[in-house]
Amino acid sequence: MIAVGIDVSKSKSTTAILNSDGELLLKPIDFQHSRSDMSALFSLLDI
């Protein structure tokens, strides 16, 4: 299982990805609430 954590705030969000052992697969990254940043996040998540 892979867990995706997203901390949502007013102007940006931070996300990180962990595997089932709790190992960090993607260091926390910030992204703005814009179409381009959301598209980049979806591409990163392959959805």
Protein backbone atom coordinates (compact mmCIF):
# COMPACT_ATOMS: atom_id res chain seq x y z
CA MET A 1 0.00 0.00 0.00
CA ILE A 2 1.13 3.53 -0.72
CA ALA A 3 -0.12 6.49 1.34
CA VAL A 4 -0.34 10.02 -0.01
CA GLY A 5 -0.60 12.72 2.63
CA ILE A 6 -1.78 16.19 1.69
CA ASP A 7 -1.74 19.11 4.12
CA VAL A 8 -4.09 21.73 2.70
CA SER A 9 -3.77 25.39 3.63
CA LYS A 10 -5.18 28.61 2.22
CA SER A 11 -2.77 29.33 -0.65
CA LYS A 12 -0.73 26.14 -1.00
CA SER A 13 -0.63 22.50 0.01
CA THR A 14 2.15 20.10 0.93
CA THR A 15 2.22 16.45 -0.05
CA ALA A 16 4.40 13.44 0.75
CA ILE A 17 4.21 9.78 -0.23
CA LEU A 18 4.99 6.82 2.05
CA ASN A 19 5.11 3.09 1.41
CA SER A 20 3.48 0.49 3.69
CA ASP A 21 6.65 0.32 5.81
CA GLY A 22 6.48 4.07 6.48
CA GLU A 23 9.47 4.80 4.26
CA LEU A 24 9.39 8.12 2.47
CA LEU A 25 9.00 7.67 -1.30
CA LEU A 26 8.59 11.38 -2.06
CA LYS A 27 9.94 14.09 0.19
CA PRO A 28 7.33 16.68 1.14
CA ILE A 29 6.78 19.14 -1.69
CA ASP A 30 4.70 22.32 -1.77
CA PHE A 31 2.34 23.15 -4.59
CA GLN A 32 0.10 26.11 -5.26
CA HIS A 33 -3.61 25.75 -5.87
CA SER A 34 -3.26 26.43 -9.58
CA ARG A 35 -4.28 24.35 -12.56
CA SER A 36 -0.65 23.85 -13.63
CA ASP A 37 0.56 22.76 -10.18
CA MET A 38 -2.43 20.44 -9.72
CA SER A 39 -1.79 18.89 -13.14
CA ALA A 40 1.86 18.36 -12.20
CA LEU A 41 0.79 16.67 -8.95
CA PHE A 42 -1.66 14.40 -10.79
CA SER A 43 1.06 13.48 -13.28
CA LEU A 44 3.42 12.70 -10.41
CA LEU A 45 0.77 10.45 -8.89
CA ASP A 46 0.01 8.98 -12.34
CA ILE A 47 -3.74 9.62 -12.14
